[in-house]
Amino acid sequence: MRLFTINAGYFKLDGGAMHGVVPKSMWNKVNPSDENNMCSWAMRCLLIEHGNYKILVDNGMGNKQDAKFFSFYYPHGEDSIEKGLAAHGFTTDDITDVFLTHLHFDHCGGSVKREGDKLVPAFKKAQYWTNHKHWHSALTPNERERASFLKENIIPLEESGLLRFTEAPDGGEWLQDIRIRYVNGHTDSMMLPQIKYNDTTILYCADLIPSAAHVSMPWVMAYDMRPLDTLAEKHKLLNEAVANNWVLFFEHDPKIECCTLQEDNGRIRIKETFPLSELDKRIGTV
């Protein structure tokens, strides 16, 4: 197995919404906002080369939306899925599977691209993975989530015949060495890949713990549908991570890719931070 960080670019979201009840005087030190209270966030995806599989976990917001849409989210930077794949010797045609943690636009928008007046899968040789419960939520969204579930990101996948639904239970194997952890605080049935890499477990945190700052229990996004469930889910998985020396991989932190954890006076805190490219050195495989 080989793992690669694939950066899909950066965008901006309201700092207050991203940090929930945490005061700006605290979060602004971690991720300073601009004059409009907007903070920059990464769209950091993960490529898993595993035998004959080349699995892309999430794919950012894509570039097919109109100028009005992008004016709300300020995409910036030079990164893209295509550039990220190319940096490691891959193309979109090499991807065999696209694992979608959930179908909010900043996680699945790159799944579909425009070809003329048509919307088609961007990874034409891949299968796209979700689960039935989350798919139903995406097709029939509540009023709070409606702006995050965009039909143009979702329906073309079904129409292409490439959409697949995993039947793996919580904690069960999706593929060998890749398990799925389901969480429901942010949105219905979000899927977190739990990856066994050599003797180390890596948890792709998606929007349960979008950044290193969100390791702290009170830091829960205002975007979450069920914040108390998020608290319970964080408590469970973070304690499991400490007990078993997991590595956390952050999708949205603008600077920090990975971390390890430690318990300190009854609280879970970050022990070390590092880029994914240093993982092998840290676990002694090179």
C-alpha atoms as a PDB file:
ATOM      1  CA  MET A   1       0.000   0.000   0.000  1.00  0.00           C
ATOM      2  CA  ARG A   2       1.107   3.562  -0.773  1.00  0.00           C
ATOM      3  CA  LEU A   3      -0.568   6.759   0.431  1.00  0.00           C
ATOM      4  CA  PHE A   4      -0.436  10.194  -1.179  1.00  0.00           C
ATOM      5  CA  THR A   5      -1.848  13.579  -0.222  1.00  0.00           C
ATOM      6  CA  ILE A   6      -3.776  15.113  -3.124  1.00  0.00           C
ATOM      7  CA  ASN A   7      -4.628  18.781  -2.625  1.00  0.00           C
ATOM      8  CA  ALA A   8      -7.748  19.929  -4.475  1.00  0.00           C
ATOM      9  CA  GLY A   9      -7.200  23.596  -3.618  1.00  0.00           C
ATOM     10  CA  TYR A  10      -8.342  26.019  -0.939  1.00  0.00           C
ATOM     11  CA  PHE A  11     -11.593  27.858  -0.287  1.00  0.00           C
ATOM     12  CA  LYS A  12     -13.079  30.123   2.355  1.00  0.00           C
ATOM     13  CA  LEU A  13     -15.851  29.606   4.876  1.00  0.00           C
ATOM     14  CA  ASP A  14     -17.184  31.798   7.661  1.00  0.00           C
ATOM     15  CA  GLY A  15     -14.952  31.485  10.713  1.00  0.00           C
ATOM     16  CA  GLY A  16     -17.822  31.535  13.166  1.00  0.00           C
ATOM     17  CA  ALA A  17     -19.658  28.761  11.340  1.00  0.00           C
ATOM     18  CA  MET A  18     -16.550  26.588  11.206  1.00  0.00           C
ATOM     19  CA  HIS A  19     -15.735  26.996  14.890  1.00  0.00           C
ATOM     20  CA  GLY A  20     -19.236  26.935  16.407  1.00  0.00           C
ATOM     21  CA  VAL A  21     -19.486  28.175  19.988  1.00  0.00           C
ATOM     22  CA  VAL A  22     -15.741  28.847  20.324  1.00  0.00           C
ATOM     23  CA  PRO A  23     -15.154  32.626  20.628  1.00  0.00           C
ATOM     24  CA  LYS A  24     -13.404  34.427  17.794  1.00  0.00           C
ATOM     25  CA  SER A  25     -10.769  35.651  20.247  1.00  0.00           C
ATOM     26  CA  MET A  26      -9.654  32.005  20.472  1.00  0.00           C
ATOM     27  CA  TRP A  27     -10.090  30.634  16.953  1.00  0.00           C
ATOM     28  CA  ASN A  28      -8.735  33.702  15.210  1.00  0.00           C
ATOM     29  CA  LYS A  29      -5.316  32.897  16.685  1.00  0.00           C
ATOM     30  CA  VAL A  30      -5.415  29.472  15.042  1.00  0.00           C
ATOM     31  CA  ASN A  31      -6.840  30.397  11.638  1.00  0.00           C
ATOM     32  CA  PRO A  32      -6.994  34.192  11.216  1.00  0.00           C
ATOM     33  CA  SER A  33      -9.973  35.502   9.265  1.00  0.00           C
ATOM     34  CA  ASP A  34     -10.059  38.191   6.598  1.00  0.00           C
ATOM     35  CA  GLU A  35     -12.050  41.415   6.814  1.00  0.00           C
ATOM     36  CA  ASN A  36     -15.233  39.485   5.975  1.00  0.00           C
ATOM     37  CA  ASN A  37     -14.737  36.958   8.792  1.00  0.00           C
ATOM     38  CA  MET A  38     -13.813  34.284   6.244  1.00  0.00           C
ATOM     39  CA  CYS A  39     -11.068  31.737   6.938  1.00  0.00           C
ATOM     40  CA  SER A  40      -9.081  29.735   4.413  1.00  0.00           C
ATOM     41  CA  TRP A  41      -9.491  25.952   4.415  1.00  0.00           C
ATOM     42  CA  ALA A  42      -7.884  23.112   2.510  1.00  0.00           C
ATOM     43  CA  MET A  43      -9.649  20.490   0.442  1.00  0.00           C
ATOM     44  CA  ARG A  44      -7.122  17.744   1.155  1.00  0.00           C
ATOM     45  CA  CYS A  45      -7.860  14.393  -0.438  1.00  0.00           C
ATOM     46  CA  LEU A  46      -6.130  11.044  -0.067  1.00  0.00           C
ATOM     47  CA  LEU A  47      -4.968   8.635  -2.762  1.00  0.00           C
ATOM     48  CA  ILE A  48      -4.612   5.013  -1.657  1.00  0.00           C
ATOM     49  CA  GLU A  49      -2.686   2.732  -4.010  1.00  0.00           C
ATOM     50  CA  HIS A  50      -3.564  -0.728  -2.778  1.00  0.00           C
ATOM     51  CA  GLY A  51      -2.767  -3.646  -5.047  1.00  0.00           C
ATOM     52  CA  ASN A  52      -4.701  -3.073  -8.253  1.00  0.00           C
ATOM     53  CA  TYR A  53      -6.839  -0.401  -6.585  1.00  0.00           C
ATOM     54  CA  LYS A  54      -6.187   3.300  -6.830  1.00  0.00           C
ATOM     55  CA  ILE A  55      -8.707   4.842  -4.463  1.00  0.00           C
ATOM     56  CA  LEU A  56      -9.313   8.575  -4.226  1.00  0.00           C
ATOM     57  CA  VAL A  57     -10.956   9.682  -0.981  1.00  0.00           C
ATOM     58  CA  ASP A  58     -13.028  12.820  -1.726  1.00  0.00           C
ATOM     59  CA  ASN A  59     -12.191  15.282  -4.508  1.00  0.00           C
ATOM     60  CA  GLY A  60     -12.925  18.876  -3.496  1.00  0.00           C
ATOM     61  CA  MET A  61     -15.477  21.215  -5.079  1.00  0.00           C
ATOM     62  CA  GLY A  62     -14.427  20.912  -8.724  1.00  0.00           C
ATOM     63  CA  ASN A  63     -14.537  23.748 -11.235  1.00  0.00           C
ATOM     64  CA  LYS A  64     -17.838  23.361 -13.066  1.00  0.00           C
ATOM     65  CA  GLN A  65     -19.897  25.873 -11.053  1.00  0.00           C
ATOM     66  CA  ASP A  66     -20.585  29.419 -12.217  1.00  0.00           C
ATOM     67  CA  ALA A  67     -18.923  32.633 -11.061  1.00  0.00           C
ATOM     68  CA  LYS A  68     -21.759  33.445  -8.660  1.00  0.00           C
ATOM     69  CA  PHE A  69     -21.306  30.161  -6.822  1.00  0.00           C
ATOM     70  CA  PHE A  70     -17.559  30.600  -6.507  1.00  0.00           C
ATOM     71  CA  SER A  71     -18.018  34.172  -5.273  1.00  0.00           C
ATOM     72  CA  PHE A  72     -19.479  32.715  -2.061  1.00  0.00           C
ATOM     73  CA  TYR A  73     -16.518  30.398  -1.393  1.00  0.00           C
ATOM     74  CA  TYR A  74     -13.456  32.180  -2.815  1.00  0.00           C
ATOM     75  CA  PRO A  75     -11.530  29.220  -4.251  1.00  0.00           C
ATOM     76  CA  HIS A  76      -7.837  30.094  -4.365  1.00  0.00           C
ATOM     77  CA  GLY A  77      -4.378  28.622  -4.828  1.00  0.00           C
ATOM     78  CA  GLU A  78      -2.805  26.683  -7.674  1.00  0.00           C
ATOM     79  CA  ASP A  79      -3.644  23.159  -6.501  1.00  0.00           C
ATOM     80  CA  SER A  80      -6.057  20.838  -8.284  1.00  0.00           C
ATOM     81  CA  ILE A  81      -6.869  17.138  -8.313  1.00  0.00           C
ATOM     82  CA  GLU A  82      -5.249  16.770 -11.723  1.00  0.00           C
ATOM     83  CA  LYS A  83      -2.014  18.481 -10.632  1.00  0.00           C
ATOM     84  CA  GLY A  84      -1.915  16.506  -7.418  1.00  0.00           C
ATOM     85  CA  LEU A  85      -2.301  13.193  -9.209  1.00  0.00           C
ATOM     86  CA  ALA A  86       0.257  14.157 -11.854  1.00  0.00           C
ATOM     87  CA  ALA A  87       2.819  15.001  -9.171  1.00  0.00           C
ATOM     88  CA  HIS A  88       2.769  11.319  -8.196  1.00  0.00           C
ATOM     89  CA  GLY A  89       2.629   9.949 -11.728  1.00  0.00           C
ATOM     90  CA  PHE A  90      -1.141   9.362 -12.002  1.00  0.00           C
ATOM     91  CA  THR A  91      -4.038  10.693 -14.080  1.00  0.00           C
ATOM     92  CA  THR A  92      -7.782  10.749 -13.481  1.00  0.00           C
ATOM     93  CA  ASP A  93      -8.068   7.673 -15.718  1.00  0.00           C
ATOM     94  CA  ASP A  94      -5.927   5.684 -13.277  1.00  0.00           C
ATOM     95  CA  ILE A  95      -8.466   6.015 -10.455  1.00  0.00           C
ATOM     96  CA  THR A  96     -10.409   2.782  -9.935  1.00  0.00           C
ATOM     97  CA  ASP A  97     -12.569   3.897  -7.011  1.00  0.00           C
ATOM     98  CA  VAL A  98     -13.748   7.234  -5.620  1.00  0.00           C
ATOM     99  CA  PHE A  99     -14.671   6.939  -1.945  1.00  0.00           C
ATOM    100  CA  LEU A 100     -16.998   9.789  -0.987  1.00  0.00           C
ATOM    101  CA  THR A 101     -17.069  10.448   2.743  1.00  0.00           C
ATOM    102  CA  HIS A 102     -20.265  12.427   2.127  1.00  0.00           C
ATOM    103  CA  LEU A 103     -21.895  14.386  -0.667  1.00  0.00           C
ATOM    104  CA  HIS A 104     -21.462  17.992   0.453  1.00  0.00           C
ATOM    105  CA  PHE A 105     -20.183  20.044  -2.474  1.00  0.00           C
ATOM    106  CA  ASP A 106     -16.672  20.620  -1.097  1.00  0.00           C
ATOM    107  CA  HIS A 107     -16.112  16.871  -0.821  1.00  0.00           C
ATOM    108  CA  CYS A 108     -17.693  15.521  -3.993  1.00  0.00           C
ATOM    109  CA  GLY A 109     -17.879  18.431  -6.471  1.00  0.00           C
ATOM    110  CA  GLY A 110     -14.837  17.180  -8.348  1.00  0.00           C
ATOM    111  CA  SER A 111     -16.643  13.907  -9.098  1.00  0.00           C
ATOM    112  CA  VAL A 112     -18.393  15.479 -12.080  1.00  0.00           C
ATOM    113  CA  LYS A 113     -17.110  17.760 -14.837  1.00  0.00           C
ATOM    114  CA  ARG A 114     -18.567  19.583 -17.813  1.00  0.00           C
ATOM    115  CA  GLU A 115     -18.050  18.313 -21.344  1.00  0.00           C
ATOM    116  CA  GLY A 116     -19.779  20.809 -23.567  1.00  0.00           C
ATOM    117  CA  ASP A 117     -23.353  20.993 -22.342  1.00  0.00           C
ATOM    118  CA  LYS A 118     -23.155  17.650 -20.514  1.00  0.00           C
ATOM    119  CA  LEU A 119     -22.210  16.732 -16.968  1.00  0.00           C
ATOM    120  CA  VAL A 120     -20.115  13.547 -16.887  1.00  0.00           C
ATOM    121  CA  PRO A 121     -18.020  11.663 -14.313  1.00  0.00           C
ATOM    122  CA  ALA A 122     -14.542  13.166 -13.985  1.00  0.00           C
ATOM    123  CA  PHE A 123     -13.056   9.741 -13.201  1.00  0.00           C
ATOM    124  CA  LYS A 124     -14.573   7.790 -16.032  1.00  0.00           C
ATOM    125  CA  LYS A 125     -13.001   4.432 -15.186  1.00  0.00           C
ATOM    126  CA  ALA A 126     -13.850   4.579 -11.478  1.00  0.00           C
ATOM    127  CA  GLN A 127     -16.673   3.345  -9.309  1.00  0.00           C
ATOM    128  CA  TYR A 128     -18.121   5.973  -6.949  1.00  0.00           C
ATOM    129  CA  TRP A 129     -18.926   4.804  -3.417  1.00  0.00           C
ATOM    130  CA  THR A 130     -21.515   6.058  -0.939  1.00  0.00           C
ATOM    131  CA  ASN A 131     -24.166   4.355   1.223  1.00  0.00           C
ATOM    132  CA  HIS A 132     -27.942   4.144   0.965  1.00  0.00           C
ATOM    133  CA  LYS A 133     -28.749   6.225   4.048  1.00  0.00           C
ATOM    134  CA  HIS A 134     -26.529   9.116   3.044  1.00  0.00           C
ATOM    135  CA  TRP A 135     -27.650   8.966  -0.587  1.00  0.00           C
ATOM    136  CA  HIS A 136     -31.269   9.329   0.522  1.00  0.00           C
ATOM    137  CA  SER A 137     -30.347  12.382   2.621  1.00  0.00           C
ATOM    138  CA  ALA A 138     -28.563  13.954  -0.326  1.00  0.00           C
ATOM    139  CA  LEU A 139     -31.581  13.503  -2.600  1.00  0.00           C
ATOM    140  CA  THR A 140     -34.079  14.741   0.009  1.00  0.00           C
ATOM    141  CA  PRO A 141     -32.092  17.299   2.034  1.00  0.00           C
ATOM    142  CA  ASN A 142     -33.381  19.223   4.992  1.00  0.00           C
ATOM    143  CA  GLU A 143     -33.473  23.009   4.741  1.00  0.00           C
ATOM    144  CA  ARG A 144     -30.167  23.479   6.570  1.00  0.00           C
ATOM    145  CA  GLU A 145     -28.253  21.170   4.228  1.00  0.00           C
ATOM    146  CA  ARG A 146     -29.973  22.001   0.965  1.00  0.00           C
ATOM    147  CA  ALA A 147     -27.232  24.408  -0.137  1.00  0.00           C
ATOM    148  CA  SER A 148     -24.558  21.739   0.434  1.00  0.00           C
ATOM    149  CA  PHE A 149     -26.177  18.933  -1.583  1.00  0.00           C
ATOM    150  CA  LEU A 150     -26.100  20.000  -5.223  1.00  0.00           C
ATOM    151  CA  LYS A 151     -27.962  17.865  -7.741  1.00  0.00           C
ATOM    152  CA  GLU A 152     -25.320  18.511 -10.413  1.00  0.00           C
ATOM    153  CA  ASN A 153     -22.750  16.765  -8.195  1.00  0.00           C
ATOM    154  CA  ILE A 154     -24.962  13.792  -7.474  1.00  0.00           C
ATOM    155  CA  ILE A 155     -27.436  12.859 -10.205  1.00  0.00           C
ATOM    156  CA  PRO A 156     -24.821  12.413 -12.986  1.00  0.00           C
ATOM    157  CA  LEU A 157     -23.169   9.698 -10.900  1.00  0.00           C
ATOM    158  CA  GLU A 158     -26.384   7.708 -10.768  1.00  0.00           C
ATOM    159  CA  GLU A 159     -27.080   8.290 -14.450  1.00  0.00           C
ATOM    160  CA  SER A 160     -23.581   7.128 -15.417  1.00  0.00           C
ATOM    161  CA  GLY A 161     -24.065   3.680 -13.921  1.00  0.00           C
ATOM    162  CA  LEU A 162     -20.860   4.090 -11.903  1.00  0.00           C
ATOM    163  CA  LEU A 163     -22.518   4.678  -8.523  1.00  0.00           C
ATOM    164  CA  ARG A 164     -22.060   1.946  -5.907  1.00  0.00           C
ATOM    165  CA  PHE A 165     -23.413   1.494  -2.374  1.00  0.00           C
ATOM    166  CA  THR A 166     -21.288  -0.112   0.302  1.00  0.00           C
ATOM    167  CA  GLU A 167     -22.914  -2.646   2.578  1.00  0.00           C
ATOM    168  CA  ALA A 168     -20.044  -2.666   5.093  1.00  0.00           C
ATOM    169  CA  PRO A 169     -21.296  -2.214   8.688  1.00  0.00           C
ATOM    170  CA  ASP A 170     -19.735   0.264  11.110  1.00  0.00           C
ATOM    171  CA  GLY A 171     -16.168  -0.837  11.684  1.00  0.00           C
ATOM    172  CA  GLY A 172     -16.444  -3.475   8.968  1.00  0.00           C
ATOM    173  CA  GLU A 173     -14.086  -3.955   6.074  1.00  0.00           C
ATOM    174  CA  TRP A 174     -14.831  -2.214   2.799  1.00  0.00           C
ATOM    175  CA  LEU A 175     -11.631  -3.567   1.279  1.00  0.00           C
ATOM    176  CA  GLN A 176      -8.801  -5.437   2.934  1.00  0.00           C
ATOM    177  CA  ASP A 177      -7.071  -3.078   5.392  1.00  0.00           C
ATOM    178  CA  ILE A 178      -9.715  -0.371   4.877  1.00  0.00           C
ATOM    179  CA  ARG A 179     -12.615  -0.198   7.309  1.00  0.00           C
ATOM    180  CA  ILE A 180     -15.504   2.263   7.443  1.00  0.00           C
ATOM    181  CA  ARG A 181     -16.524   4.220  10.514  1.00  0.00           C
ATOM    182  CA  TYR A 182     -19.958   5.834  10.240  1.00  0.00           C
ATOM    183  CA  VAL A 183     -20.787   9.073  12.047  1.00  0.00           C
ATOM    184  CA  ASN A 184     -24.033  11.032  12.017  1.00  0.00           C
ATOM    185  CA  GLY A 185     -23.402  14.314  13.829  1.00  0.00           C
ATOM    186  CA  HIS A 186     -22.257  16.312  10.814  1.00  0.00           C
ATOM    187  CA  THR A 187     -24.634  14.679   8.345  1.00  0.00           C
ATOM    188  CA  ASP A 188     -26.423  11.352   7.981  1.00  0.00           C
ATOM    189  CA  SER A 189     -24.055   8.396   7.705  1.00  0.00           C
ATOM    190  CA  MET A 190     -20.793  10.138   6.847  1.00  0.00           C
ATOM    191  CA  MET A 191     -18.103   7.528   6.148  1.00  0.00           C
ATOM    192  CA  LEU A 192     -14.594   7.808   7.590  1.00  0.00           C
ATOM    193  CA  PRO A 193     -11.988   5.458   6.089  1.00  0.00           C
ATOM    194  CA  GLN A 194      -9.918   3.720   8.754  1.00  0.00           C
ATOM    195  CA  ILE A 195      -6.786   2.503   7.031  1.00  0.00           C
ATOM    196  CA  LYS A 196      -4.315  -0.102   8.253  1.00  0.00           C
ATOM    197  CA  TYR A 197      -0.948   0.943   6.875  1.00  0.00           C
ATOM    198  CA  ASN A 198       1.780  -1.485   7.927  1.00  0.00           C
ATOM    199  CA  ASP A 199       1.210  -1.581  11.709  1.00  0.00           C
ATOM    200  CA  THR A 200      -0.295   1.912  11.925  1.00  0.00           C
ATOM    201  CA  THR A 201      -3.960   2.944  11.735  1.00  0.00           C
ATOM    202  CA  ILE A 202      -4.813   6.175   9.921  1.00  0.00           C
ATOM    203  CA  LEU A 203      -8.236   7.772  10.304  1.00  0.00           C
ATOM    204  CA  TYR A 204      -9.343  10.123   7.530  1.00  0.00           C
ATOM    205  CA  CYS A 205     -11.346  12.546   9.644  1.00  0.00           C
ATOM    206  CA  ALA A 206     -13.435  14.298   6.946  1.00  0.00           C
ATOM    207  CA  ASP A 207     -15.836  16.714   8.677  1.00  0.00           C
ATOM    208  CA  LEU A 208     -15.988  15.000  12.053  1.00  0.00           C
ATOM    209  CA  ILE A 209     -12.649  16.639  12.922  1.00  0.00           C
ATOM    210  CA  PRO A 210     -12.021  18.986   9.981  1.00  0.00           C
ATOM    211  CA  SER A 211      -8.846  20.563  11.387  1.00  0.00           C
ATOM    212  CA  ALA A 212      -6.301  20.089  14.143  1.00  0.00           C
ATOM    213  CA  ALA A 213      -8.057  22.725  16.254  1.00  0.00           C
ATOM    214  CA  HIS A 214     -11.232  20.622  16.174  1.00  0.00           C
ATOM    215  CA  VAL A 215      -9.528  17.878  18.181  1.00  0.00           C
ATOM    216  CA  SER A 216     -10.562  19.952  21.193  1.00  0.00           C
ATOM    217  CA  MET A 217     -13.997  18.719  22.258  1.00  0.00           C
ATOM    218  CA  PRO A 218     -15.870  22.084  22.296  1.00  0.00           C
ATOM    219  CA  TRP A 219     -14.771  22.893  18.724  1.00  0.00           C
ATOM    220  CA  VAL A 220     -17.795  21.640  16.796  1.00  0.00           C
ATOM    221  CA  MET A 221     -18.897  23.260  13.552  1.00  0.00           C
ATOM    222  CA  ALA A 222     -22.168  25.161  13.372  1.00  0.00           C
ATOM    223  CA  TYR A 223     -22.683  23.285  10.085  1.00  0.00           C
ATOM    224  CA  ASP A 224     -23.234  20.021  11.987  1.00  0.00           C
ATOM    225  CA  MET A 225     -26.801  18.735  11.962  1.00  0.00           C
ATOM    226  CA  ARG A 226     -26.513  17.096  15.400  1.00  0.00           C
ATOM    227  CA  PRO A 227     -23.719  18.732  17.418  1.00  0.00           C
ATOM    228  CA  LEU A 228     -24.272  16.612  20.523  1.00  0.00           C
ATOM    229  CA  ASP A 229     -23.867  13.485  18.411  1.00  0.00           C
ATOM    230  CA  THR A 230     -20.647  14.962  17.031  1.00  0.00           C
ATOM    231  CA  LEU A 231     -19.381  15.392  20.593  1.00  0.00           C
ATOM    232  CA  ALA A 232     -20.148  11.764  21.415  1.00  0.00           C
ATOM    233  CA  GLU A 233     -18.585  10.524  18.171  1.00  0.00           C
ATOM    234  CA  LYS A 234     -15.449  12.586  18.697  1.00  0.00           C
ATOM    235  CA  HIS A 235     -15.139  11.323  22.258  1.00  0.00           C
ATOM    236  CA  LYS A 236     -15.395   7.696  21.148  1.00  0.00           C
ATOM    237  CA  LEU A 237     -13.002   7.870  18.204  1.00  0.00           C
ATOM    238  CA  LEU A 238     -10.429  10.148  19.837  1.00  0.00           C
ATOM    239  CA  ASN A 239     -10.188   7.862  22.851  1.00  0.00           C
ATOM    240  CA  GLU A 240      -9.799   4.900  20.525  1.00  0.00           C
ATOM    241  CA  ALA A 241      -7.109   6.812  18.635  1.00  0.00           C
ATOM    242  CA  VAL A 242      -5.134   7.577  21.811  1.00  0.00           C
ATOM    243  CA  ALA A 243      -5.396   4.006  23.081  1.00  0.00           C
ATOM    244  CA  ASN A 244      -4.158   2.554  19.796  1.00  0.00           C
ATOM    245  CA  ASN A 245      -1.702   5.233  18.637  1.00  0.00           C
ATOM    246  CA  TRP A 246      -3.622   6.183  15.509  1.00  0.00           C
ATOM    247  CA  VAL A 247      -2.664   8.906  13.078  1.00  0.00           C
ATOM    248  CA  LEU A 248      -5.358  11.460  12.187  1.00  0.00           C
ATOM    249  CA  PHE A 249      -5.489  12.878   8.643  1.00  0.00           C
ATOM    250  CA  PHE A 250      -7.170  16.290   8.353  1.00  0.00           C
ATOM    251  CA  GLU A 251      -9.129  17.200   5.228  1.00  0.00           C
ATOM    252  CA  HIS A 252      -9.640  20.914   5.869  1.00  0.00           C
ATOM    253  CA  ASP A 253      -6.782  22.149   8.043  1.00  0.00           C
ATOM    254  CA  PRO A 254      -5.009  24.800   5.939  1.00  0.00           C
ATOM    255  CA  LYS A 255      -1.553  23.773   7.184  1.00  0.00           C
ATOM    256  CA  ILE A 256      -1.551  20.547   9.185  1.00  0.00           C
ATOM    257  CA  GLU A 257      -1.989  17.225   7.367  1.00  0.00           C
ATOM    258  CA  CYS A 258      -1.546  14.631  10.116  1.00  0.00           C
ATOM    259  CA  CYS A 259      -1.163  14.315  13.860  1.00  0.00           C
ATOM    260  CA  THR A 260      -0.781  11.882  16.698  1.00  0.00           C
ATOM    261  CA  LEU A 261      -2.523  12.306  20.050  1.00  0.00           C
ATOM    262  CA  GLN A 262      -1.859  12.016  23.757  1.00  0.00           C
ATOM    263  CA  GLU A 263      -3.878  12.249  26.946  1.00  0.00           C
ATOM    264  CA  ASP A 264      -2.909  15.156  29.184  1.00  0.00           C
ATOM    265  CA  ASN A 265      -4.626  15.633  32.557  1.00  0.00           C
ATOM    266  CA  GLY A 266      -7.789  13.940  31.350  1.00  0.00           C
ATOM    267  CA  ARG A 267      -7.906  15.801  28.032  1.00  0.00           C
ATOM    268  CA  ILE A 268      -6.909  14.595  24.606  1.00  0.00           C
ATOM    269  CA  ARG A 269      -4.388  16.852  22.950  1.00  0.00           C
ATOM    270  CA  ILE A 270      -2.215  16.802  19.862  1.00  0.00           C
ATOM    271  CA  LYS A 271       1.171  15.184  20.408  1.00  0.00           C
ATOM    272  CA  GLU A 272       2.918  15.747  17.063  1.00  0.00           C
ATOM    273  CA  THR A 273       1.961  17.131  13.664  1.00  0.00           C
ATOM    274  CA  PHE A 274       3.565  16.210  10.349  1.00  0.00           C
ATOM    275  CA  PRO A 275       2.880  15.851   6.612  1.00  0.00           C
ATOM    276  CA  LEU A 276       1.762  12.467   5.330  1.00  0.00           C
ATOM    277  CA  SER A 277       4.980  12.219   3.316  1.00  0.00           C
ATOM    278  CA  GLU A 278       6.889  11.790   6.614  1.00  0.00           C
ATOM    279  CA  LEU A 279       4.750   8.910   7.871  1.00  0.00           C
ATOM    280  CA  ASP A 280       7.112   6.131   6.806  1.00  0.00           C
ATOM    281  CA  LYS A 281      10.032   7.759   8.621  1.00  0.00           C
ATOM    282  CA  ARG A 282       7.971   8.169  11.770  1.00  0.00           C
ATOM    283  CA  ILE A 283       6.792   4.581  11.892  1.00  0.00           C
ATOM    284  CA  GLY A 284      10.173   3.207  10.895  1.00  0.00           C
ATOM    285  CA  THR A 285       9.378   1.623   7.540  1.00  0.00           C
ATOM    286  CA  VAL A 286      12.176   3.460   5.693  1.00  0.00           C
END
